Amino acid sequence: MNKTVTSPWAAWSVPGETGPYVGGYLISYESNFHFATVRGAGHMVPETRAEASLAMMSAFVLGKRL
């Protein structure tokens, strides 16, 4: 990619019934490029981690940061 990291890997959280928990990790690069992962999910993210998937997609659609 040859882009400069603007924000190193950091955990993002999901609100849960017993309090927030780590939903995954996020790294940001220049040119407003972000790479997010969902912790503990396989290739069927909405099936295995529904709450984290919803939080990540909602942030993307609404233009908010994780």
Protein backbone atom coordinates (compact mmCIF):
# COMPACT_ATOMS: atom_id res chain seq x y z
CA MET A 1 0.00 0.00 0.00
CA ASN A 2 2.90 2.32 0.73
CA LYS A 3 0.80 4.58 2.99
CA THR A 4 1.82 6.18 6.27
CA VAL A 5 0.16 4.93 9.45
CA THR A 6 -1.69 7.81 11.13
CA SER A 7 -3.08 5.78 14.05
CA PRO A 8 -1.54 2.44 15.14
CA TRP A 9 -3.50 -0.71 15.95
CA ALA A 10 -6.05 -0.03 18.68
CA ALA A 11 -8.99 -1.91 20.11
CA TRP A 12 -12.54 -0.75 19.39
CA SER A 13 -15.38 -1.69 21.71
CA VAL A 14 -18.97 -2.88 21.46
CA PRO A 15 -21.57 -2.14 24.14
CA GLY A 16 -22.78 -5.38 25.70
CA GLU A 17 -25.26 -6.49 28.33
CA THR A 18 -22.57 -6.74 31.00
CA GLY A 19 -20.56 -3.75 29.78
CA PRO A 20 -18.42 -2.91 26.77
CA TYR A 21 -16.09 -5.51 25.30
CA VAL A 22 -13.41 -5.55 22.58
CA GLY A 23 -15.13 -5.95 19.22
CA GLY A 24 -11.94 -5.91 17.18
CA TYR A 25 -8.96 -3.83 16.18
CA LEU A 26 -8.47 -0.85 13.89
CA ILE A 27 -5.48 0.73 12.15
CA SER A 28 -5.66 4.01 10.20
CA TYR A 29 -3.54 5.20 7.29
CA GLU A 30 -3.22 8.51 5.43
CA SER A 31 -5.90 9.43 2.87
CA ASN A 32 -8.68 8.43 5.30
CA PHE A 33 -8.03 4.69 4.79
CA HIS A 34 -8.90 2.39 7.71
CA PHE A 35 -8.55 -1.37 8.20
CA ALA A 36 -10.79 -2.97 10.83
CA THR A 37 -10.95 -6.51 12.12
CA VAL A 38 -13.62 -8.27 14.17
CA ARG A 39 -12.16 -10.21 17.06
CA GLY A 40 -12.86 -13.94 17.02
CA ALA A 41 -14.84 -13.93 13.77
CA GLY A 42 -14.41 -16.29 10.87
CA HIS A 43 -15.35 -15.55 7.29
CA MET A 44 -19.06 -15.31 8.22
CA VAL A 45 -18.73 -12.32 10.53
CA PRO A 46 -22.47 -11.49 10.93
CA GLU A 47 -23.19 -15.10 11.84
CA THR A 48 -20.42 -15.56 14.39
CA ARG A 49 -20.15 -12.03 15.85
CA ALA A 50 -23.49 -10.33 15.21
CA GLU A 51 -23.17 -7.43 17.69
CA ALA A 52 -19.64 -6.51 16.63
CA SER A 53 -20.62 -6.80 12.96
CA LEU A 54 -23.57 -4.46 13.47
CA ALA A 55 -21.43 -1.95 15.36
CA MET A 56 -18.76 -1.94 12.63
CA MET A 57 -21.22 -1.63 9.73
CA SER A 58 -23.27 1.04 11.53
CA ALA A 59 -20.15 3.13 12.11
CA PHE A 60 -19.24 2.78 8.41
CA VAL A 61 -22.70 3.75 7.13
CA LEU A 62 -23.07 6.66 9.54
CA GLY A 63 -19.52 7.91 8.86
CA LYS A 64 -18.47 7.53 12.49
CA ARG A 65 -15.18 6.24 13.84
CA LEU A 66 -15.10 2.88 15.63
